[in-house]
Amino acid sequence: MKAIQTTGKIDAEGQLFLDSPIKGTLSRSVRVIIFLEETESDVNDFLGQISQYQQNPLISAEKLQQELKQSLTDAGYDSREKIIDLVQDIKREISQERQQKQK
């Protein structure tokens, strides 16, 4: 995968337009990551959300365990073996992602 850094603008309809064409590229689908400059209002909104979140009471460890168990059961992970397989699959995916990042 190749990374190209450029600038652009997003119009009122949410469409992205680059400030200049990217030379030497072919017409194809691409992934886009957009970094927006944060305004003081954005930061204040974020801090307000944190403050509001902190006012929520924490759930007990027992309730968290019950809800996790129910969620796993609802998703089809209703035995110890299936949960172990799920954890092993996740570990494999993490390992593969790390290997890809090192290349």
N, C-alpha and C. Protein backbone atom coordinates (compact mmCIF):
# COMPACT_ATOMS: atom_id res chain seq x y z
N MET A 1 0.85 -1.16 0.00
CA MET A 1 0.00 0.00 0.00
C MET A 1 0.90 1.23 0.00
N LYS A 2 0.53 2.22 -0.74
CA LYS A 2 1.31 3.44 -0.89
C LYS A 2 0.53 4.60 -0.26
N ALA A 3 1.21 5.46 0.47
CA ALA A 3 0.57 6.62 1.09
C ALA A 3 0.97 7.88 0.33
N ILE A 4 -0.01 8.72 0.09
CA ILE A 4 0.21 10.01 -0.56
C ILE A 4 -0.43 11.08 0.31
N GLN A 5 0.32 12.12 0.63
CA GLN A 5 -0.24 13.20 1.43
C GLN A 5 -0.52 14.38 0.53
N THR A 6 -1.73 14.93 0.66
CA THR A 6 -2.12 16.09 -0.11
C THR A 6 -3.16 16.87 0.69
N THR A 7 -3.65 17.94 0.15
CA THR A 7 -4.67 18.73 0.83
C THR A 7 -5.89 18.85 -0.07
N GLY A 8 -6.99 19.24 0.53
CA GLY A 8 -8.22 19.41 -0.23
C GLY A 8 -9.28 20.10 0.60
N LYS A 9 -10.47 20.13 0.07
CA LYS A 9 -11.59 20.77 0.76
C LYS A 9 -12.81 19.87 0.67
N ILE A 10 -13.66 19.95 1.68
CA ILE A 10 -14.93 19.25 1.68
C ILE A 10 -16.01 20.29 1.48
N ASP A 11 -16.87 20.08 0.46
CA ASP A 11 -17.91 21.06 0.17
C ASP A 11 -19.13 20.84 1.07
N ALA A 12 -20.15 21.65 0.87
CA ALA A 12 -21.37 21.61 1.70
C ALA A 12 -22.10 20.27 1.60
N GLU A 13 -21.92 19.55 0.50
CA GLU A 13 -22.56 18.24 0.34
C GLU A 13 -21.70 17.11 0.89
N GLY A 14 -20.53 17.43 1.43
CA GLY A 14 -19.66 16.41 2.00
C GLY A 14 -18.72 15.76 0.99
N GLN A 15 -18.61 16.31 -0.20
CA GLN A 15 -17.73 15.76 -1.23
C GLN A 15 -16.32 16.32 -1.04
N LEU A 16 -15.33 15.45 -1.18
CA LEU A 16 -13.93 15.83 -1.03
C LEU A 16 -13.37 16.22 -2.39
N PHE A 17 -12.68 17.37 -2.45
CA PHE A 17 -12.01 17.82 -3.67
C PHE A 17 -10.56 18.14 -3.33
N LEU A 18 -9.64 17.54 -4.07
CA LEU A 18 -8.22 17.78 -3.83
C LEU A 18 -7.82 19.14 -4.38
N ASP A 19 -6.86 19.77 -3.73
CA ASP A 19 -6.37 21.08 -4.18
C ASP A 19 -5.62 20.97 -5.49
N SER A 20 -5.01 19.82 -5.75
CA SER A 20 -4.30 19.61 -7.01
C SER A 20 -4.35 18.13 -7.36
N PRO A 21 -4.25 17.80 -8.66
CA PRO A 21 -4.29 16.38 -9.05
C PRO A 21 -3.04 15.65 -8.56
N ILE A 22 -3.18 14.35 -8.43
CA ILE A 22 -2.05 13.51 -8.01
C ILE A 22 -1.46 12.92 -9.28
N LYS A 23 -0.30 13.40 -9.64
CA LYS A 23 0.35 12.99 -10.89
C LYS A 23 0.84 11.55 -10.81
N GLY A 24 0.76 10.85 -11.92
CA GLY A 24 1.29 9.50 -12.01
C GLY A 24 0.41 8.42 -11.41
N THR A 25 -0.86 8.75 -11.16
CA THR A 25 -1.76 7.74 -10.60
C THR A 25 -2.80 7.34 -11.64
N LEU A 26 -3.27 6.13 -11.52
CA LEU A 26 -4.29 5.63 -12.42
C LEU A 26 -5.66 5.81 -11.78
N SER A 27 -6.70 5.79 -12.58
CA SER A 27 -8.06 5.88 -12.08
C SER A 27 -8.40 4.58 -11.36
N ARG A 28 -8.69 4.68 -10.05
CA ARG A 28 -9.05 3.49 -9.26
C ARG A 28 -9.62 3.94 -7.93
N SER A 29 -10.20 2.98 -7.23
CA SER A 29 -10.71 3.25 -5.89
C SER A 29 -9.54 3.38 -4.93
N VAL A 30 -9.71 4.25 -3.92
CA VAL A 30 -8.67 4.47 -2.93
C VAL A 30 -9.29 4.55 -1.55
N ARG A 31 -8.45 4.37 -0.53
CA ARG A 31 -8.86 4.62 0.84
C ARG A 31 -8.45 6.04 1.18
N VAL A 32 -9.27 6.70 1.98
CA VAL A 32 -8.98 8.08 2.34
C VAL A 32 -9.06 8.24 3.85
N ILE A 33 -8.04 8.87 4.43
CA ILE A 33 -8.06 9.24 5.83
C ILE A 33 -8.06 10.76 5.86
N ILE A 34 -8.99 11.34 6.58
CA ILE A 34 -9.13 12.80 6.61
C ILE A 34 -8.77 13.30 8.00
N PHE A 35 -7.88 14.27 8.06
CA PHE A 35 -7.52 14.93 9.31
C PHE A 35 -8.12 16.33 9.27
N LEU A 36 -9.00 16.61 10.20
CA LEU A 36 -9.62 17.93 10.28
C LEU A 36 -8.98 18.73 11.41
N GLU A 37 -8.74 20.00 11.17
CA GLU A 37 -8.23 20.87 12.23
C GLU A 37 -9.32 21.00 13.28
N GLU A 38 -8.94 20.84 14.55
CA GLU A 38 -9.91 20.97 15.63
C GLU A 38 -10.06 22.43 16.01
N THR A 39 -11.30 22.84 16.19
CA THR A 39 -11.57 24.20 16.63
C THR A 39 -11.72 24.20 18.14
N GLU A 40 -11.73 25.36 18.73
CA GLU A 40 -11.93 25.46 20.17
C GLU A 40 -13.29 24.89 20.56
N SER A 41 -14.27 25.07 19.71
CA SER A 41 -15.61 24.51 19.96
C SER A 41 -15.57 22.99 19.99
N ASP A 42 -14.80 22.37 19.06
CA ASP A 42 -14.66 20.91 19.05
C ASP A 42 -14.06 20.41 20.35
N VAL A 43 -13.01 21.09 20.80
CA VAL A 43 -12.34 20.69 22.04
C VAL A 43 -13.29 20.85 23.22
N ASN A 44 -14.03 21.96 23.28
CA ASN A 44 -14.98 22.17 24.38
C ASN A 44 -16.08 21.12 24.37
N ASP A 45 -16.57 20.75 23.18
CA ASP A 45 -17.59 19.70 23.08
C ASP A 45 -17.04 18.38 23.61
N PHE A 46 -15.80 18.06 23.24
CA PHE A 46 -15.17 16.82 23.69
C PHE A 46 -15.02 16.82 25.20
N LEU A 47 -14.54 17.91 25.77
CA LEU A 47 -14.38 17.99 27.22
C LEU A 47 -15.73 17.88 27.93
N GLY A 48 -16.77 18.47 27.33
CA GLY A 48 -18.11 18.35 27.90
C GLY A 48 -18.60 16.91 27.89
N GLN A 49 -18.31 16.18 26.82
CA GLN A 49 -18.70 14.78 26.73
C GLN A 49 -17.98 13.95 27.79
N ILE A 50 -16.70 14.24 28.00
CA ILE A 50 -15.94 13.52 29.03
C ILE A 50 -16.55 13.79 30.40
N SER A 51 -16.84 15.05 30.66
CA SER A 51 -17.43 15.43 31.95
C SER A 51 -18.76 14.72 32.16
N GLN A 52 -19.58 14.69 31.12
CA GLN A 52 -20.89 14.03 31.21
C GLN A 52 -20.70 12.52 31.43
N TYR A 53 -19.74 11.91 30.74
CA TYR A 53 -19.47 10.49 30.88
C TYR A 53 -19.01 10.16 32.30
N GLN A 54 -18.18 11.02 32.87
CA GLN A 54 -17.64 10.76 34.21
C GLN A 54 -18.74 10.78 35.27
N GLN A 55 -19.87 11.40 34.99
CA GLN A 55 -20.96 11.46 35.95
C GLN A 55 -21.79 10.18 35.96
N ASN A 56 -21.61 9.34 34.94
CA ASN A 56 -22.33 8.07 34.89
C ASN A 56 -21.76 7.13 35.95
N PRO A 57 -22.63 6.44 36.68
CA PRO A 57 -22.11 5.51 37.67
C PRO A 57 -21.48 4.29 36.99
N LEU A 58 -20.42 3.76 37.60
CA LEU A 58 -19.77 2.57 37.08
C LEU A 58 -20.62 1.35 37.40
N ILE A 59 -20.61 0.37 36.50
CA ILE A 59 -21.33 -0.86 36.80
C ILE A 59 -20.40 -1.79 37.57
N SER A 60 -20.98 -2.65 38.34
CA SER A 60 -20.18 -3.57 39.15
C SER A 60 -19.50 -4.60 38.24
N ALA A 61 -18.44 -5.19 38.76
CA ALA A 61 -17.72 -6.23 38.02
C ALA A 61 -18.64 -7.41 37.72
N GLU A 62 -19.52 -7.73 38.67
CA GLU A 62 -20.45 -8.85 38.48
C GLU A 62 -21.41 -8.57 37.33
N LYS A 63 -21.94 -7.35 37.29
CA LYS A 63 -22.88 -6.99 36.22
C LYS A 63 -22.16 -6.97 34.88
N LEU A 64 -20.93 -6.44 34.85
CA LEU A 64 -20.15 -6.44 33.62
C LEU A 64 -19.92 -7.86 33.13
N GLN A 65 -19.59 -8.76 34.05
CA GLN A 65 -19.37 -10.16 33.70
C GLN A 65 -20.64 -10.79 33.14
N GLN A 66 -21.79 -10.51 33.76
CA GLN A 66 -23.07 -11.06 33.29
C GLN A 66 -23.39 -10.55 31.90
N GLU A 67 -23.19 -9.23 31.67
CA GLU A 67 -23.50 -8.66 30.36
C GLU A 67 -22.56 -9.19 29.27
N LEU A 68 -21.29 -9.36 29.61
CA LEU A 68 -20.35 -9.93 28.65
C LEU A 68 -20.73 -11.36 28.30
N LYS A 69 -21.06 -12.14 29.32
CA LYS A 69 -21.46 -13.53 29.09
C LYS A 69 -22.70 -13.59 28.20
N GLN A 70 -23.67 -12.72 28.46
CA GLN A 70 -24.90 -12.70 27.66
C GLN A 70 -24.60 -12.29 26.22
N SER A 71 -23.74 -11.30 26.03
CA SER A 71 -23.38 -10.86 24.68
C SER A 71 -22.68 -11.97 23.91
N LEU A 72 -21.76 -12.67 24.57
CA LEU A 72 -21.08 -13.78 23.91
C LEU A 72 -22.06 -14.89 23.55
N THR A 73 -22.97 -15.20 24.46
CA THR A 73 -23.98 -16.24 24.20
C THR A 73 -24.87 -15.83 23.03
N ASP A 74 -25.31 -14.57 23.03
CA ASP A 74 -26.16 -14.08 21.94
C ASP A 74 -25.46 -14.16 20.59
N ALA A 75 -24.12 -14.01 20.60
CA ALA A 75 -23.34 -14.05 19.36
C ALA A 75 -22.96 -15.48 18.97
N GLY A 76 -23.41 -16.47 19.76
CA GLY A 76 -23.14 -17.86 19.40
C GLY A 76 -21.95 -18.47 20.11
N TYR A 77 -21.32 -17.73 20.99
CA TYR A 77 -20.18 -18.26 21.75
C TYR A 77 -20.70 -18.74 23.10
N ASP A 78 -21.31 -19.92 23.07
CA ASP A 78 -22.02 -20.42 24.24
C ASP A 78 -21.30 -21.56 24.97
N SER A 79 -20.03 -21.77 24.62
CA SER A 79 -19.25 -22.79 25.32
C SER A 79 -17.83 -22.28 25.52
N ARG A 80 -17.16 -22.87 26.47
CA ARG A 80 -15.77 -22.50 26.75
C ARG A 80 -14.90 -22.69 25.51
N GLU A 81 -15.10 -23.77 24.79
CA GLU A 81 -14.29 -24.07 23.61
C GLU A 81 -14.47 -23.00 22.53
N LYS A 82 -15.72 -22.58 22.31
CA LYS A 82 -15.97 -21.56 21.29
C LYS A 82 -15.34 -20.22 21.68
N ILE A 83 -15.36 -19.90 22.96
CA ILE A 83 -14.74 -18.65 23.41
C ILE A 83 -13.23 -18.73 23.26
N ILE A 84 -12.64 -19.87 23.58
CA ILE A 84 -11.20 -20.07 23.41
C ILE A 84 -10.83 -19.94 21.93
N ASP A 85 -11.63 -20.53 21.05
CA ASP A 85 -11.39 -20.40 19.60
C ASP A 85 -11.45 -18.94 19.17
N LEU A 86 -12.42 -18.20 19.70
CA LEU A 86 -12.56 -16.78 19.37
C LEU A 86 -11.31 -16.01 19.79
N VAL A 87 -10.84 -16.24 21.00
CA VAL A 87 -9.65 -15.55 21.50
C VAL A 87 -8.43 -15.91 20.64
N GLN A 88 -8.31 -17.17 20.27
CA GLN A 88 -7.18 -17.59 19.43
C GLN A 88 -7.25 -16.93 18.05
N ASP A 89 -8.46 -16.83 17.48
CA ASP A 89 -8.63 -16.15 16.20
C ASP A 89 -8.21 -14.68 16.30
N ILE A 90 -8.59 -14.04 17.37
CA ILE A 90 -8.24 -12.63 17.56
C ILE A 90 -6.72 -12.48 17.70
N LYS A 91 -6.10 -13.37 18.45
CA LYS A 91 -4.64 -13.32 18.60
C LYS A 91 -3.95 -13.49 17.25
N ARG A 92 -4.46 -14.42 16.42
CA ARG A 92 -3.87 -14.63 15.09
C ARG A 92 -4.01 -13.37 14.25
N GLU A 93 -5.18 -12.74 14.29
CA GLU A 93 -5.40 -11.52 13.51
C GLU A 93 -4.46 -10.41 13.97
N ILE A 94 -4.28 -10.26 15.26
CA ILE A 94 -3.37 -9.24 15.79
C ILE A 94 -1.94 -9.53 15.33
N SER A 95 -1.54 -10.78 15.38
CA SER A 95 -0.20 -11.17 14.95
C SER A 95 0.00 -10.87 13.46
N GLN A 96 -1.00 -11.19 12.64
CA GLN A 96 -0.91 -10.93 11.21
C GLN A 96 -0.82 -9.43 10.93
N GLU A 97 -1.61 -8.63 11.66
CA GLU A 97 -1.57 -7.18 11.47
C GLU A 97 -0.20 -6.63 11.85
N ARG A 98 0.38 -7.13 12.93
CA ARG A 98 1.72 -6.67 13.33
C ARG A 98 2.76 -7.04 12.29
N GLN A 99 2.66 -8.25 11.73
CA GLN A 99 3.60 -8.68 10.70
C GLN A 99 3.47 -7.81 9.45
N GLN A 100 2.25 -7.47 9.08
CA GLN A 100 2.04 -6.62 7.91
C GLN A 100 2.61 -5.22 8.13
N LYS A 101 2.48 -4.70 9.35
CA LYS A 101 3.01 -3.36 9.64
C LYS A 101 4.54 -3.35 9.61
N GLN A 102 5.17 -4.47 9.91
CA GLN A 102 6.63 -4.55 9.93
C GLN A 102 7.21 -4.65 8.53
N LYS A 103 6.40 -5.01 7.55
CA LYS A 103 6.89 -5.17 6.16
C LYS A 103 7.09 -3.84 5.49
